[in-house]
Every structure is written in C-alpha cells, then in structure tokens.
Amino acid sequence: MAESSQPYKTYSEVKLQQQQLLRKNVIDAACILLVEEGPESVTVRRIAQKLSCSTKIIYSIFGSKDGLANEMYLDGCRLLAETFQHVPVTEDVLADLEALSWAYWEFAQLHSAYYKMMFGGALSDFKPDEQSLEGTTTALSRILQTVVHAMEQGQLAEQDPLLVVRMLWSSLHGVIHLQFAGHFSDAAVAHEIYAFTMKQTLAACKAPSL
C-alpha cells in the first residue's frame, strides 16, 4: 500500500506560513487605515493597535515604516500585473490596448488604497525605492508588449514604444487622479471622460492611413 502524502508541516514551514500571513495582515490593515482614516493614520503604532500586536513585531518584518510602504507598493504592483494578465490576447492589438486601459481603470476602482498609495501620493513622505520602481515597470510590461506588437503590425506609428506607454499611462492616470480628488460629479462622468481620453490618446498614436 502506497504511503499517503505528508499530513503535517514542519516547524519551519508553519513558521514561514505564519510570517507570510502576518505580513499580509499588516499590509491589509495599512490599506484599510489609508482608506478609512487617511494617510496620517498609516503609522506602525496605529497598525499595531489595529492588529492587537506590538510595534516590535511589525518592525521585525518590515524594518521601518518605509519598508512597510515599499511592501505595500510591491504588493500593489503584483495586483496590477495580475489584473493585466487576466486580459486575453486577441488578433486586434488596438482592441487589446483598450481592454488593458479598462483593466487599469478597474484596478484603480477596486484597489483604490493601493492606487492612491502607488500613484496618487497618498503617503507624501514615501518615495518608492529602485526595487519598487522596477515593480511598476514589470506591471506595465504587458502594455509595452502590446504597443510594440501594434507598431510591428502597422497599427501604431513607429516611434519610441516606451514613450507611447508613458503618454497613455499619464493621460489615464490624470483622469483617475482627478476623480479621486473629487473633481467630477460622479463615477459615471469620470468613466465617460476616461473612455474619451483613452480613445483620443490611442487615435493620436495611430499610423497614418495610406
């Protein structure tokens, strides 16, 4: 009779699992504080109070508040990358770019705490380190690949693809940032402006008709 699979975890495995769970709980608590009480509430002491643990435990995992903020940033980058990965690849690269742009919108709406922290300056004293900035580049790589394919197919004008990605990103972010700042009457208006901005930006990058 074949032996059954191991029905238990080693001490090291359990300890690692607990640390990963605690790390996630700390990040989740920080994001909730950011949304519910504002950026000034995102302190190690306030997070420790919310989790009913000592600040020493949080410092032992993240090192500092900046260390925690960087982990929040990288976690947001992973979520953004996963959001883009769920967008199917089709034969229509321009439609794919529109789908990816809407995925970016959905990320901002569903994960507003991450978005405001990553791209909205919610934590004014936080500056992402080099690793975090690389995480942003990785998250946006799907859009870059699609832009490159569109140029190869002659759908977009030949130019620096990274410049096109940054222009599109800047335009879309501008609408979302204004939405979160309360400059639009409601979400429907922001959605309409976002759609218009996206279409006009992509149209400006299209290859000229023969």
Protein backbone atom coordinates (compact mmCIF):
# COMPACT_ATOMS: atom_id res chain seq x y z
CA MET A 1 0.00 0.00 0.00
CA ALA A 2 1.41 3.38 -1.04
CA GLU A 3 2.17 5.83 1.71
CA SER A 4 -0.20 8.79 1.98
CA SER A 5 1.08 12.30 1.39
CA GLN A 6 2.68 14.01 4.37
CA PRO A 7 -0.25 15.01 6.66
CA TYR A 8 1.70 17.66 8.54
CA LYS A 9 4.02 20.61 8.06
CA THR A 10 7.46 21.02 9.52
CA TYR A 11 8.10 23.69 12.14
CA SER A 12 9.94 25.82 9.57
CA GLU A 13 7.05 25.55 7.12
CA VAL A 14 4.50 26.53 9.77
CA LYS A 15 6.66 29.45 10.92
CA LEU A 16 7.08 30.70 7.35
CA GLN A 17 3.36 30.36 6.68
CA GLN A 18 2.54 32.32 9.82
CA GLN A 19 5.00 35.06 8.92
CA GLN A 20 3.53 35.36 5.41
CA LEU A 21 0.03 35.57 6.88
CA LEU A 22 1.13 38.24 9.36
CA ARG A 23 2.87 40.19 6.58
CA LYS A 24 -0.33 40.15 4.52
CA ASN A 25 -2.45 41.15 7.51
CA VAL A 26 -0.18 44.13 8.22
CA ILE A 27 -0.37 45.30 4.60
CA ASP A 28 -4.16 44.82 4.53
CA ALA A 29 -4.54 46.76 7.79
CA ALA A 30 -2.38 49.60 6.44
CA CYS A 31 -4.51 49.81 3.29
CA ILE A 32 -7.74 49.86 5.31
CA LEU A 33 -6.39 52.65 7.52
CA LEU A 34 -5.37 54.59 4.41
CA VAL A 35 -8.92 54.39 3.00
CA GLU A 36 -10.90 54.83 6.21
CA GLU A 37 -8.80 57.29 8.21
CA GLY A 38 -6.41 58.91 5.74
CA PRO A 39 -2.64 58.79 5.19
CA GLU A 40 -1.78 60.32 8.56
CA SER A 41 -3.19 57.19 10.23
CA VAL A 42 -0.77 54.84 8.45
CA THR A 43 1.79 54.55 11.22
CA VAL A 44 3.42 51.45 12.67
CA ARG A 45 1.88 52.22 16.06
CA ARG A 46 -1.64 52.62 14.61
CA ILE A 47 -1.33 49.42 12.57
CA ALA A 48 -0.11 47.53 15.64
CA GLN A 49 -3.14 48.77 17.58
CA LYS A 50 -5.47 47.59 14.83
CA LEU A 51 -3.87 44.12 14.81
CA SER A 52 -3.53 43.96 18.61
CA CYS A 53 0.20 43.28 18.41
CA SER A 54 3.38 45.08 19.36
CA THR A 55 5.16 47.51 17.07
CA LYS A 56 8.26 45.35 17.54
CA ILE A 57 6.63 42.53 15.56
CA ILE A 58 5.92 44.83 12.62
CA TYR A 59 9.42 46.33 12.72
CA SER A 60 10.91 42.83 12.79
CA ILE A 61 9.20 42.05 9.47
CA PHE A 62 9.47 45.35 7.58
CA GLY A 63 12.33 47.14 9.33
CA SER A 64 10.69 50.57 9.19
CA LYS A 65 7.60 52.44 8.01
CA ASP A 66 9.31 52.97 4.66
CA GLY A 67 9.95 49.23 4.49
CA LEU A 68 6.23 48.63 5.02
CA ALA A 69 5.32 51.26 2.42
CA ASN A 70 7.64 49.60 -0.11
CA GLU A 71 5.99 46.24 0.55
CA MET A 72 2.57 47.84 0.02
CA TYR A 73 3.83 49.31 -3.24
CA LEU A 74 5.22 45.99 -4.47
CA ASP A 75 2.04 44.20 -3.43
CA GLY A 76 0.08 46.72 -5.48
CA CYS A 77 2.38 46.13 -8.45
CA ARG A 78 1.71 42.40 -8.22
CA LEU A 79 -2.03 43.02 -8.15
CA LEU A 80 -1.78 45.33 -11.17
CA ALA A 81 0.29 42.81 -13.11
CA GLU A 82 -2.25 40.08 -12.31
CA THR A 83 -5.05 42.37 -13.48
CA PHE A 84 -3.33 42.85 -16.85
CA GLN A 85 -2.59 39.12 -17.13
CA HIS A 86 -6.31 38.36 -16.98
CA VAL A 87 -6.91 40.41 -20.14
CA PRO A 88 -6.99 37.98 -23.09
CA VAL A 89 -4.74 38.43 -26.10
CA THR A 90 -6.66 38.72 -29.39
CA GLU A 91 -5.84 39.36 -33.04
CA ASP A 92 -6.87 43.01 -32.64
CA VAL A 93 -3.99 44.76 -30.88
CA LEU A 94 -5.78 48.10 -30.67
CA ALA A 95 -8.75 46.42 -29.01
CA ASP A 96 -6.27 44.76 -26.65
CA LEU A 97 -4.85 48.17 -25.73
CA GLU A 98 -8.33 49.43 -24.96
CA ALA A 99 -9.01 46.32 -22.85
CA LEU A 100 -5.77 46.85 -20.92
CA SER A 101 -6.68 50.50 -20.37
CA TRP A 102 -10.02 49.44 -18.90
CA ALA A 103 -8.23 46.89 -16.75
CA TYR A 104 -6.16 49.78 -15.36
CA TRP A 105 -9.39 51.65 -14.58
CA GLU A 106 -10.84 48.60 -12.82
CA PHE A 107 -7.68 48.19 -10.75
CA ALA A 108 -7.92 51.79 -9.59
CA GLN A 109 -11.58 51.42 -8.63
CA LEU A 110 -11.27 48.03 -6.91
CA HIS A 111 -7.94 48.69 -5.19
CA SER A 112 -8.17 52.43 -4.57
CA ALA A 113 -5.98 52.31 -1.45
CA TYR A 114 -3.14 50.69 -3.37
CA TYR A 115 -3.64 53.05 -6.31
CA LYS A 116 -3.61 56.21 -4.20
CA MET A 117 -0.54 54.99 -2.36
CA MET A 118 1.32 53.94 -5.53
CA PHE A 119 0.40 56.71 -7.96
CA GLY A 120 -1.56 59.32 -6.05
CA GLY A 121 0.97 60.43 -3.46
CA ALA A 122 -1.28 59.35 -0.58
CA LEU A 123 1.79 58.81 1.63
CA SER A 124 3.52 62.11 0.97
CA ASP A 125 6.73 61.19 2.78
CA PHE A 126 7.16 57.91 0.89
CA LYS A 127 9.40 57.66 -2.15
CA PRO A 128 9.48 54.20 -3.81
CA ASP A 129 12.93 52.64 -3.91
CA GLU A 130 14.56 51.18 -7.02
CA GLN A 131 13.04 47.74 -6.48
CA SER A 132 9.55 49.24 -6.21
CA LEU A 133 10.01 51.26 -9.38
CA GLU A 134 11.12 48.11 -11.18
CA GLY A 135 7.89 46.52 -9.95
CA THR A 136 5.94 49.25 -11.75
CA THR A 137 7.88 48.62 -14.95
CA THR A 138 7.15 44.90 -14.69
CA ALA A 139 3.45 45.54 -14.11
CA LEU A 140 3.24 47.77 -17.19
CA SER A 141 5.26 45.41 -19.39
CA ARG A 142 2.07 43.86 -20.81
CA ILE A 143 1.02 47.25 -22.19
CA LEU A 144 4.51 47.82 -23.60
CA GLN A 145 4.47 44.45 -25.36
CA THR A 146 1.08 45.23 -26.89
CA VAL A 147 2.25 48.65 -28.09
CA VAL A 148 5.30 47.03 -29.72
CA HIS A 149 3.07 44.47 -31.49
CA ALA A 150 0.77 47.23 -32.70
CA MET A 151 3.73 49.05 -34.22
CA GLU A 152 5.01 45.86 -35.84
CA GLN A 153 1.58 45.37 -37.43
CA GLY A 154 1.47 48.95 -38.63
CA GLN A 155 -1.47 49.85 -36.38
CA LEU A 156 0.51 52.45 -34.44
CA ALA A 157 3.03 54.90 -35.86
CA GLU A 158 6.68 53.87 -35.45
CA GLN A 159 8.17 55.76 -32.51
CA ASP A 160 9.61 55.06 -29.09
CA PRO A 161 7.14 52.48 -27.66
CA LEU A 162 8.05 53.35 -24.07
CA LEU A 163 7.17 56.98 -24.80
CA VAL A 164 3.76 55.87 -26.07
CA VAL A 165 3.16 53.77 -22.93
CA ARG A 166 4.09 56.67 -20.67
CA MET A 167 1.87 59.08 -22.59
CA LEU A 168 -1.09 56.70 -22.38
CA TRP A 169 -0.41 55.98 -18.71
CA SER A 170 -0.11 59.69 -17.88
CA SER A 171 -3.36 60.51 -19.66
CA LEU A 172 -5.33 57.73 -17.97
CA HIS A 173 -3.82 58.42 -14.57
CA GLY A 174 -4.76 62.09 -14.89
CA VAL A 175 -8.46 61.24 -15.18
CA ILE A 176 -8.36 58.79 -12.26
CA HIS A 177 -6.42 61.22 -10.08
CA LEU A 178 -8.99 63.97 -10.74
CA GLN A 179 -11.78 61.51 -10.00
CA PHE A 180 -10.30 60.57 -6.63
CA ALA A 181 -9.74 64.24 -5.85
CA GLY A 182 -13.48 64.83 -6.31
CA HIS A 183 -13.35 66.97 -9.45
CA PHE A 184 -16.08 65.01 -11.26
CA SER A 185 -19.70 64.94 -10.13
CA ASP A 186 -19.90 61.15 -10.04
CA ALA A 187 -18.24 57.93 -11.22
CA ALA A 188 -20.28 57.86 -14.43
CA VAL A 189 -18.86 61.19 -15.53
CA ALA A 190 -15.32 60.04 -14.71
CA HIS A 191 -15.94 56.84 -16.67
CA GLU A 192 -17.09 58.82 -19.72
CA ILE A 193 -14.10 61.16 -19.59
CA TYR A 194 -11.77 58.19 -19.16
CA ALA A 195 -13.19 56.49 -22.26
CA PHE A 196 -12.88 59.70 -24.30
CA THR A 197 -9.30 60.32 -23.12
CA MET A 198 -8.26 56.74 -23.89
CA LYS A 199 -9.72 56.77 -27.41
CA GLN A 200 -8.27 60.18 -28.28
CA THR A 201 -4.81 59.23 -26.96
CA LEU A 202 -4.73 55.98 -28.94
CA ALA A 203 -6.06 57.76 -32.03
CA ALA A 204 -3.21 60.26 -31.81
CA CYS A 205 -0.71 57.37 -31.92
CA LYS A 206 -2.24 55.52 -34.87
CA ALA A 207 -0.27 55.07 -38.06
CA PRO A 208 -1.41 57.43 -40.85
CA SER A 209 -3.78 55.89 -43.38
CA LEU A 210 -2.31 55.12 -46.78
